[in-house]
Amino acid sequence: MDHINAKTILPDNLVLELQKYIEGGYLYIPSKPQSRKKWGENSGKRNYIKKRNEHIVNKYKNGHNINKLAKEFFLSIDSIKKIVYGKKS
């Protein structure tokens, strides 16, 4: 993220108003809520993890042991339990 001097893009009255709250520091302005995507949507990681978790749940329902699933998927036993029992972290 690039730093931009507020004076170059904002009207003077807005810069003066902002200086009442912060002067000479950095201010992060987040993207508009409707334009932000959730974590992993651009890279496909979110979809990958969803499919992996579905695969883990199916294996568990077909009798696979939690300890073996943890080793197979390189996850902790607690992580596997959260996935198969539907708990959010």
PDB file of N, CA and C in Angstrom:
ATOM      1  N   MET A   1       0.842  -1.168   0.000  1.00  0.00           N
ATOM      2  CA  MET A   1       0.000   0.000   0.000  1.00  0.00           C
ATOM      3  C   MET A   1       0.889   1.232   0.000  1.00  0.00           C
ATOM      4  N   ASP A   2       0.632   2.130  -0.910  1.00  0.00           N
ATOM      5  CA  ASP A   2       1.413   3.359  -1.011  1.00  0.00           C
ATOM      6  C   ASP A   2       0.884   4.410  -0.046  1.00  0.00           C
ATOM      7  N   HIS A   3       1.804   5.254   0.409  1.00  0.00           N
ATOM      8  CA  HIS A   3       1.403   6.383   1.232  1.00  0.00           C
ATOM      9  C   HIS A   3       1.176   7.585   0.326  1.00  0.00           C
ATOM     10  N   ILE A   4       0.093   8.289   0.546  1.00  0.00           N
ATOM     11  CA  ILE A   4      -0.247   9.453  -0.270  1.00  0.00           C
ATOM     12  C   ILE A   4      -0.444  10.630   0.668  1.00  0.00           C
ATOM     13  N   ASN A   5       0.121  11.757   0.313  1.00  0.00           N
ATOM     14  CA  ASN A   5      -0.071  12.967   1.098  1.00  0.00           C
ATOM     15  C   ASN A   5      -1.514  13.425   0.936  1.00  0.00           C
ATOM     16  N   ALA A   6      -2.199  13.595   2.058  1.00  0.00           N
ATOM     17  CA  ALA A   6      -3.619  13.963   2.033  1.00  0.00           C
ATOM     18  C   ALA A   6      -3.852  15.272   1.284  1.00  0.00           C
ATOM     19  N   LYS A   7      -2.914  16.195   1.362  1.00  0.00           N
ATOM     20  CA  LYS A   7      -3.083  17.493   0.682  1.00  0.00           C
ATOM     21  C   LYS A   7      -3.172  17.359  -0.830  1.00  0.00           C
ATOM     22  N   THR A   8      -2.608  16.280  -1.363  1.00  0.00           N
ATOM     23  CA  THR A   8      -2.613  16.126  -2.820  1.00  0.00           C
ATOM     24  C   THR A   8      -3.941  15.589  -3.354  1.00  0.00           C
ATOM     25  N   ILE A   9      -4.751  14.955  -2.495  1.00  0.00           N
ATOM     26  CA  ILE A   9      -5.996  14.367  -3.011  1.00  0.00           C
ATOM     27  C   ILE A   9      -7.259  14.837  -2.300  1.00  0.00           C
ATOM     28  N   LEU A  10      -7.129  15.449  -1.127  1.00  0.00           N
ATOM     29  CA  LEU A  10      -8.314  15.866  -0.370  1.00  0.00           C
ATOM     30  C   LEU A  10      -8.462  17.383  -0.376  1.00  0.00           C
ATOM     31  N   PRO A  11      -9.698  17.860  -0.272  1.00  0.00           N
ATOM     32  CA  PRO A  11      -9.903  19.315  -0.172  1.00  0.00           C
ATOM     33  C   PRO A  11      -9.333  19.843   1.148  1.00  0.00           C
ATOM     34  N   ASP A  12      -8.924  21.110   1.137  1.00  0.00           N
ATOM     35  CA  ASP A  12      -8.279  21.712   2.310  1.00  0.00           C
ATOM     36  C   ASP A  12      -9.129  21.605   3.572  1.00  0.00           C
ATOM     37  N   ASN A  13     -10.440  21.831   3.437  1.00  0.00           N
ATOM     38  CA  ASN A  13     -11.289  21.796   4.631  1.00  0.00           C
ATOM     39  C   ASN A  13     -11.328  20.392   5.243  1.00  0.00           C
ATOM     40  N   LEU A  14     -11.240  19.368   4.426  1.00  0.00           N
ATOM     41  CA  LEU A  14     -11.225  17.998   4.939  1.00  0.00           C
ATOM     42  C   LEU A  14      -9.885  17.694   5.611  1.00  0.00           C
ATOM     43  N   VAL A  15      -8.805  18.184   5.043  1.00  0.00           N
ATOM     44  CA  VAL A  15      -7.482  17.991   5.657  1.00  0.00           C
ATOM     45  C   VAL A  15      -7.461  18.660   7.032  1.00  0.00           C
ATOM     46  N   LEU A  16      -7.994  19.878   7.137  1.00  0.00           N
ATOM     47  CA  LEU A  16      -8.040  20.569   8.426  1.00  0.00           C
ATOM     48  C   LEU A  16      -8.887  19.804   9.438  1.00  0.00           C
ATOM     49  N   GLU A  17      -9.981  19.236   8.999  1.00  0.00           N
ATOM     50  CA  GLU A  17     -10.839  18.443   9.886  1.00  0.00           C
ATOM     51  C   GLU A  17     -10.113  17.187  10.372  1.00  0.00           C
ATOM     52  N   LEU A  18      -9.420  16.514   9.479  1.00  0.00           N
ATOM     53  CA  LEU A  18      -8.662  15.316   9.858  1.00  0.00           C
ATOM     54  C   LEU A  18      -7.543  15.644  10.836  1.00  0.00           C
ATOM     55  N   GLN A  19      -6.931  16.815  10.682  1.00  0.00           N
ATOM     56  CA  GLN A  19      -5.827  17.213  11.560  1.00  0.00           C
ATOM     57  C   GLN A  19      -6.292  17.429  13.001  1.00  0.00           C
ATOM     58  N   LYS A  20      -7.592  17.579  13.213  1.00  0.00           N
ATOM     59  CA  LYS A  20      -8.105  17.668  14.575  1.00  0.00           C
ATOM     60  C   LYS A  20      -7.942  16.327  15.301  1.00  0.00           C
ATOM     61  N   TYR A  21      -7.919  15.249  14.548  1.00  0.00           N
ATOM     62  CA  TYR A  21      -7.860  13.914  15.126  1.00  0.00           C
ATOM     63  C   TYR A  21      -6.472  13.290  15.048  1.00  0.00           C
ATOM     64  N   ILE A  22      -5.758  13.570  13.971  1.00  0.00           N
ATOM     65  CA  ILE A  22      -4.414  13.017  13.803  1.00  0.00           C
ATOM     66  C   ILE A  22      -3.597  14.023  13.001  1.00  0.00           C
ATOM     67  N   GLU A  23      -2.390  14.293  13.501  1.00  0.00           N
ATOM     68  CA  GLU A  23      -1.543  15.265  12.808  1.00  0.00           C
ATOM     69  C   GLU A  23      -0.149  14.680  12.656  1.00  0.00           C
ATOM     70  N   GLY A  24       0.296  14.615  11.413  1.00  0.00           N
ATOM     71  CA  GLY A  24       1.644  14.127  11.142  1.00  0.00           C
ATOM     72  C   GLY A  24       1.809  12.624  11.297  1.00  0.00           C
ATOM     73  N   GLY A  25       0.726  11.878  11.367  1.00  0.00           N
ATOM     74  CA  GLY A  25       0.807  10.433  11.510  1.00  0.00           C
ATOM     75  C   GLY A  25       0.255   9.749  10.278  1.00  0.00           C
ATOM     76  N   TYR A  26       0.064   8.455  10.400  1.00  0.00           N
ATOM     77  CA  TYR A  26      -0.479   7.663   9.305  1.00  0.00           C
ATOM     78  C   TYR A  26      -1.926   7.314   9.613  1.00  0.00           C
ATOM     79  N   LEU A  27      -2.741   7.347   8.598  1.00  0.00           N
ATOM     80  CA  LEU A  27      -4.150   7.018   8.731  1.00  0.00           C
ATOM     81  C   LEU A  27      -4.502   6.002   7.665  1.00  0.00           C
ATOM     82  N   TYR A  28      -5.011   4.846   8.098  1.00  0.00           N
ATOM     83  CA  TYR A  28      -5.408   3.807   7.160  1.00  0.00           C
ATOM     84  C   TYR A  28      -6.879   4.001   6.828  1.00  0.00           C
ATOM     85  N   ILE A  29      -7.197   4.053   5.553  1.00  0.00           N
ATOM     86  CA  ILE A  29      -8.576   4.171   5.113  1.00  0.00           C
ATOM     87  C   ILE A  29      -8.921   2.865   4.390  1.00  0.00           C
ATOM     88  N   PRO A  30      -9.805   2.039   4.992  1.00  0.00           N
ATOM     89  CA  PRO A  30     -10.125   0.746   4.389  1.00  0.00           C
ATOM     90  C   PRO A  30     -10.937   0.893   3.113  1.00  0.00           C
ATOM     91  N   SER A  31     -10.938  -0.164   2.314  1.00  0.00           N
ATOM     92  CA  SER A  31     -11.730  -0.193   1.094  1.00  0.00           C
ATOM     93  C   SER A  31     -13.206  -0.169   1.449  1.00  0.00           C
ATOM     94  N   LYS A  32     -14.004   0.181   0.484  1.00  0.00           N
ATOM     95  CA  LYS A  32     -15.447   0.153   0.680  1.00  0.00           C
ATOM     96  C   LYS A  32     -15.868  -1.281   0.963  1.00  0.00           C
ATOM     97  N   PRO A  33     -16.801  -1.497   1.902  1.00  0.00           N
ATOM     98  CA  PRO A  33     -17.206  -2.866   2.259  1.00  0.00           C
ATOM     99  C   PRO A  33     -17.689  -3.697   1.070  1.00  0.00           C
ATOM    100  N   GLN A  34     -18.436  -3.124   0.162  1.00  0.00           N
ATOM    101  CA  GLN A  34     -18.957  -3.908  -0.951  1.00  0.00           C
ATOM    102  C   GLN A  34     -17.881  -4.275  -1.965  1.00  0.00           C
ATOM    103  N   SER A  35     -16.737  -3.609  -1.945  1.00  0.00           N
ATOM    104  CA  SER A  35     -15.696  -3.917  -2.920  1.00  0.00           C
ATOM    105  C   SER A  35     -14.662  -4.917  -2.389  1.00  0.00           C
ATOM    106  N   ARG A  36     -14.739  -5.250  -1.110  1.00  0.00           N
ATOM    107  CA  ARG A  36     -13.765  -6.169  -0.522  1.00  0.00           C
ATOM    108  C   ARG A  36     -14.227  -7.603  -0.663  1.00  0.00           C
ATOM    109  N   LYS A  37     -13.295  -8.455  -0.998  1.00  0.00           N
ATOM    110  CA  LYS A  37     -13.578  -9.877  -1.058  1.00  0.00           C
ATOM    111  C   LYS A  37     -13.091 -10.524   0.231  1.00  0.00           C
ATOM    112  N   LYS A  38     -13.649 -11.668   0.544  1.00  0.00           N
ATOM    113  CA  LYS A  38     -13.228 -12.394   1.724  1.00  0.00           C
ATOM    114  C   LYS A  38     -11.859 -13.009   1.492  1.00  0.00           C
ATOM    115  N   TRP A  39     -11.207 -13.356   2.611  1.00  0.00           N
ATOM    116  CA  TRP A  39      -9.886 -13.961   2.539  1.00  0.00           C
ATOM    117  C   TRP A  39      -9.935 -15.189   1.640  1.00  0.00           C
ATOM    118  N   GLY A  40      -8.963 -15.291   0.746  1.00  0.00           N
ATOM    119  CA  GLY A  40      -8.794 -16.472  -0.073  1.00  0.00           C
ATOM    120  C   GLY A  40      -9.667 -16.572  -1.315  1.00  0.00           C
ATOM    121  N   GLU A  41     -10.541 -15.596  -1.543  1.00  0.00           N
ATOM    122  CA  GLU A  41     -11.404 -15.674  -2.720  1.00  0.00           C
ATOM    123  C   GLU A  41     -10.635 -15.434  -4.014  1.00  0.00           C
ATOM    124  N   ASN A  42      -9.694 -14.523  -4.003  1.00  0.00           N
ATOM    125  CA  ASN A  42      -8.916 -14.254  -5.216  1.00  0.00           C
ATOM    126  C   ASN A  42      -7.982 -15.404  -5.571  1.00  0.00           C
ATOM    127  N   SER A  43      -7.347 -15.971  -4.570  1.00  0.00           N
ATOM    128  CA  SER A  43      -6.342 -17.009  -4.809  1.00  0.00           C
ATOM    129  C   SER A  43      -6.946 -18.398  -4.978  1.00  0.00           C
ATOM    130  N   GLY A  44      -8.189 -18.569  -4.548  1.00  0.00           N
ATOM    131  CA  GLY A  44      -8.813 -19.888  -4.608  1.00  0.00           C
ATOM    132  C   GLY A  44      -8.559 -20.725  -3.363  1.00  0.00           C
ATOM    133  N   LYS A  45      -7.809 -20.186  -2.412  1.00  0.00           N
ATOM    134  CA  LYS A  45      -7.479 -20.921  -1.187  1.00  0.00           C
ATOM    135  C   LYS A  45      -8.725 -21.224  -0.366  1.00  0.00           C
ATOM    136  N   ARG A  46      -9.675 -20.286  -0.331  1.00  0.00           N
ATOM    137  CA  ARG A  46     -10.908 -20.475   0.424  1.00  0.00           C
ATOM    138  C   ARG A  46     -11.665 -21.702  -0.093  1.00  0.00           C
ATOM    139  N   ASN A  47     -11.778 -21.812  -1.404  1.00  0.00           N
ATOM    140  CA  ASN A  47     -12.477 -22.934  -2.022  1.00  0.00           C
ATOM    141  C   ASN A  47     -11.707 -24.242  -1.796  1.00  0.00           C
ATOM    142  N   TYR A  48     -10.384 -24.179  -1.869  1.00  0.00           N
ATOM    143  CA  TYR A  48      -9.550 -25.358  -1.633  1.00  0.00           C
ATOM    144  C   TYR A  48      -9.776 -25.904  -0.221  1.00  0.00           C
ATOM    145  N   ILE A  49      -9.769 -25.021   0.776  1.00  0.00           N
ATOM    146  CA  ILE A  49      -9.940 -25.448   2.163  1.00  0.00           C
ATOM    147  C   ILE A  49     -11.351 -25.997   2.390  1.00  0.00           C
ATOM    148  N   LYS A  50     -12.339 -25.383   1.767  1.00  0.00           N
ATOM    149  CA  LYS A  50     -13.711 -25.877   1.885  1.00  0.00           C
ATOM    150  C   LYS A  50     -13.818 -27.311   1.359  1.00  0.00           C
ATOM    151  N   LYS A  51     -13.234 -27.566   0.186  1.00  0.00           N
ATOM    152  CA  LYS A  51     -13.274 -28.913  -0.391  1.00  0.00           C
ATOM    153  C   LYS A  51     -12.470 -29.903   0.447  1.00  0.00           C
ATOM    154  N   ARG A  52     -11.312 -29.466   0.954  1.00  0.00           N
ATOM    155  CA  ARG A  52     -10.496 -30.330   1.814  1.00  0.00           C
ATOM    156  C   ARG A  52     -11.283 -30.719   3.063  1.00  0.00           C
ATOM    157  N   ASN A  53     -11.960 -29.751   3.675  1.00  0.00           N
ATOM    158  CA  ASN A  53     -12.731 -30.022   4.882  1.00  0.00           C
ATOM    159  C   ASN A  53     -13.895 -30.967   4.603  1.00  0.00           C
ATOM    160  N   GLU A  54     -14.545 -30.799   3.459  1.00  0.00           N
ATOM    161  CA  GLU A  54     -15.625 -31.716   3.080  1.00  0.00           C
ATOM    162  C   GLU A  54     -15.074 -33.135   2.925  1.00  0.00           C
ATOM    163  N   HIS A  55     -13.889 -33.230   2.351  1.00  0.00           N
ATOM    164  CA  HIS A  55     -13.233 -34.527   2.169  1.00  0.00           C
ATOM    165  C   HIS A  55     -12.930 -35.159   3.529  1.00  0.00           C
ATOM    166  N   ILE A  56     -12.455 -34.366   4.468  1.00  0.00           N
ATOM    167  CA  ILE A  56     -12.152 -34.850   5.815  1.00  0.00           C
ATOM    168  C   ILE A  56     -13.426 -35.350   6.496  1.00  0.00           C
ATOM    169  N   VAL A  57     -14.502 -34.576   6.399  1.00  0.00           N
ATOM    170  CA  VAL A  57     -15.771 -34.965   7.021  1.00  0.00           C
ATOM    171  C   VAL A  57     -16.275 -36.279   6.426  1.00  0.00           C
ATOM    172  N   ASN A  58     -16.210 -36.413   5.107  1.00  0.00           N
ATOM    173  CA  ASN A  58     -16.660 -37.655   4.457  1.00  0.00           C
ATOM    174  C   ASN A  58     -15.845 -38.858   4.914  1.00  0.00           C
ATOM    175  N   LYS A  59     -14.528 -38.673   5.008  1.00  0.00           N
ATOM    176  CA  LYS A  59     -13.681 -39.776   5.474  1.00  0.00           C
ATOM    177  C   LYS A  59     -14.025 -40.155   6.911  1.00  0.00           C
ATOM    178  N   TYR A  60     -14.277 -39.144   7.742  1.00  0.00           N
ATOM    179  CA  TYR A  60     -14.635 -39.397   9.141  1.00  0.00           C
ATOM    180  C   TYR A  60     -15.958 -40.161   9.214  1.00  0.00           C
ATOM    181  N   LYS A  61     -16.941 -39.757   8.410  1.00  0.00           N
ATOM    182  CA  LYS A  61     -18.245 -40.432   8.397  1.00  0.00           C
ATOM    183  C   LYS A  61     -18.126 -41.874   7.903  1.00  0.00           C
ATOM    184  N   ASN A  62     -17.109 -42.144   7.102  1.00  0.00           N
ATOM    185  CA  ASN A  62     -16.885 -43.499   6.590  1.00  0.00           C
ATOM    186  C   ASN A  62     -15.972 -44.321   7.501  1.00  0.00           C
ATOM    187  N   GLY A  63     -15.765 -43.838   8.725  1.00  0.00           N
ATOM    188  CA  GLY A  63     -15.064 -44.639   9.716  1.00  0.00           C
ATOM    189  C   GLY A  63     -13.596 -44.348   9.934  1.00  0.00           C
ATOM    190  N   HIS A  64     -13.045 -43.332   9.289  1.00  0.00           N
ATOM    191  CA  HIS A  64     -11.631 -43.023   9.505  1.00  0.00           C
ATOM    192  C   HIS A  64     -11.420 -42.403  10.888  1.00  0.00           C
ATOM    193  N   ASN A  65     -10.325 -42.730  11.495  1.00  0.00           N
ATOM    194  CA  ASN A  65      -9.949 -42.295  12.827  1.00  0.00           C
ATOM    195  C   ASN A  65      -9.450 -40.840  12.789  1.00  0.00           C
ATOM    196  N   ILE A  66      -9.796 -40.052  13.828  1.00  0.00           N
ATOM    197  CA  ILE A  66      -9.371 -38.646  13.898  1.00  0.00           C
ATOM    198  C   ILE A  66      -7.845 -38.536  13.916  1.00  0.00           C
ATOM    199  N   ASN A  67      -7.181 -39.407  14.645  1.00  0.00           N
ATOM    200  CA  ASN A  67      -5.708 -39.357  14.706  1.00  0.00           C
ATOM    201  C   ASN A  67      -5.089 -39.599  13.330  1.00  0.00           C
ATOM    202  N   LYS A  68      -5.634 -40.568  12.598  1.00  0.00           N
ATOM    203  CA  LYS A  68      -5.097 -40.857  11.268  1.00  0.00           C
ATOM    204  C   LYS A  68      -5.386 -39.717  10.293  1.00  0.00           C
ATOM    205  N   LEU A  69      -6.575 -39.104  10.421  1.00  0.00           N
ATOM    206  CA  LEU A  69      -6.901 -37.952   9.564  1.00  0.00           C
ATOM    207  C   LEU A  69      -5.942 -36.793   9.828  1.00  0.00           C
ATOM    208  N   ALA A  70      -5.622 -36.580  11.091  1.00  0.00           N
ATOM    209  CA  ALA A  70      -4.685 -35.507  11.446  1.00  0.00           C
ATOM    210  C   ALA A  70      -3.332 -35.729  10.782  1.00  0.00           C
ATOM    211  N   LYS A  71      -2.860 -36.956  10.807  1.00  0.00           N
ATOM    212  CA  LYS A  71      -1.568 -37.269  10.175  1.00  0.00           C
ATOM    213  C   LYS A  71      -1.649 -37.152   8.655  1.00  0.00           C
ATOM    214  N   GLU A  72      -2.745 -37.653   8.093  1.00  0.00           N
ATOM    215  CA  GLU A  72      -2.898 -37.635   6.633  1.00  0.00           C
ATOM    216  C   GLU A  72      -2.954 -36.218   6.069  1.00  0.00           C
ATOM    217  N   PHE A  73      -3.644 -35.328   6.787  1.00  0.00           N
ATOM    218  CA  PHE A  73      -3.824 -33.959   6.279  1.00  0.00           C
ATOM    219  C   PHE A  73      -2.878 -32.951   6.923  1.00  0.00           C
ATOM    220  N   PHE A  74      -1.966 -33.449   7.752  1.00  0.00           N
ATOM    221  CA  PHE A  74      -0.968 -32.579   8.409  1.00  0.00           C
ATOM    222  C   PHE A  74      -1.629 -31.474   9.232  1.00  0.00           C
ATOM    223  N   LEU A  75      -2.668 -31.854   9.968  1.00  0.00           N
ATOM    224  CA  LEU A  75      -3.377 -30.922  10.847  1.00  0.00           C
ATOM    225  C   LEU A  75      -3.342 -31.461  12.269  1.00  0.00           C
ATOM    226  N   SER A  76      -3.589 -30.585  13.236  1.00  0.00           N
ATOM    227  CA  SER A  76      -3.648 -31.037  14.623  1.00  0.00           C
ATOM    228  C   SER A  76      -4.939 -31.813  14.860  1.00  0.00           C
ATOM    229  N   ILE A  77      -4.939 -32.601  15.903  1.00  0.00           N
ATOM    230  CA  ILE A  77      -6.140 -33.353  16.258  1.00  0.00           C
ATOM    231  C   ILE A  77      -7.284 -32.394  16.566  1.00  0.00           C
ATOM    232  N   ASP A  78      -6.977 -31.288  17.247  1.00  0.00           N
ATOM    233  CA  ASP A  78      -8.012 -30.291  17.550  1.00  0.00           C
ATOM    234  C   ASP A  78      -8.598 -29.680  16.280  1.00  0.00           C
ATOM    235  N   SER A  79      -7.759 -29.440  15.291  1.00  0.00           N
ATOM    236  CA  SER A  79      -8.257 -28.894  14.022  1.00  0.00           C
ATOM    237  C   SER A  79      -9.195 -29.872  13.334  1.00  0.00           C
ATOM    238  N   ILE A  80      -8.828 -31.141  13.335  1.00  0.00           N
ATOM    239  CA  ILE A  80      -9.680 -32.167  12.725  1.00  0.00           C
ATOM    240  C   ILE A  80     -11.014 -32.240  13.471  1.00  0.00           C
ATOM    241  N   LYS A  81     -10.968 -32.196  14.799  1.00  0.00           N
ATOM    242  CA  LYS A  81     -12.204 -32.228  15.584  1.00  0.00           C
ATOM    243  C   LYS A  81     -13.115 -31.052  15.238  1.00  0.00           C
ATOM    244  N   LYS A  82     -12.534 -29.861  15.098  1.00  0.00           N
ATOM    245  CA  LYS A  82     -13.339 -28.693  14.730  1.00  0.00           C
ATOM    246  C   LYS A  82     -13.994 -28.881  13.372  1.00  0.00           C
ATOM    247  N   ILE A  83     -13.270 -29.485  12.457  1.00  0.00           N
ATOM    248  CA  ILE A  83     -13.804 -29.705  11.110  1.00  0.00           C
ATOM    249  C   ILE A  83     -14.928 -30.732  11.141  1.00  0.00           C
ATOM    250  N   VAL A  84     -14.700 -31.862  11.792  1.00  0.00           N
ATOM    251  CA  VAL A  84     -15.694 -32.945  11.743  1.00  0.00           C
ATOM    252  C   VAL A  84     -16.895 -32.678  12.649  1.00  0.00           C
ATOM    253  N   TYR A  85     -16.704 -31.915  13.711  1.00  0.00           N
ATOM    254  CA  TYR A  85     -17.827 -31.607  14.599  1.00  0.00           C
ATOM    255  C   TYR A  85     -18.477 -30.266  14.267  1.00  0.00           C
ATOM    256  N   GLY A  86     -17.952 -29.569  13.247  1.00  0.00           N
ATOM    257  CA  GLY A  86     -18.563 -28.329  12.779  1.00  0.00           C
ATOM    258  C   GLY A  86     -18.362 -27.127  13.666  1.00  0.00           C
ATOM    259  N   LYS A  87     -17.280 -27.101  14.435  1.00  0.00           N
ATOM    260  CA  LYS A  87     -17.019 -25.972  15.322  1.00  0.00           C
ATOM    261  C   LYS A  87     -16.185 -24.919  14.605  1.00  0.00           C
ATOM    262  N   LYS A  88     -16.519 -23.656  14.847  1.00  0.00           N
ATOM    263  CA  LYS A  88     -15.741 -22.545  14.302  1.00  0.00           C
ATOM    264  C   LYS A  88     -14.659 -22.175  15.304  1.00  0.00           C
ATOM    265  N   SER A  89     -13.504 -21.728  14.785  1.00  0.00           N
ATOM    266  CA  SER A  89     -12.411 -21.334  15.686  1.00  0.00           C
ATOM    267  C   SER A  89     -12.576 -19.918  16.149  1.00  0.00           C
TER     268      SER A  89
END
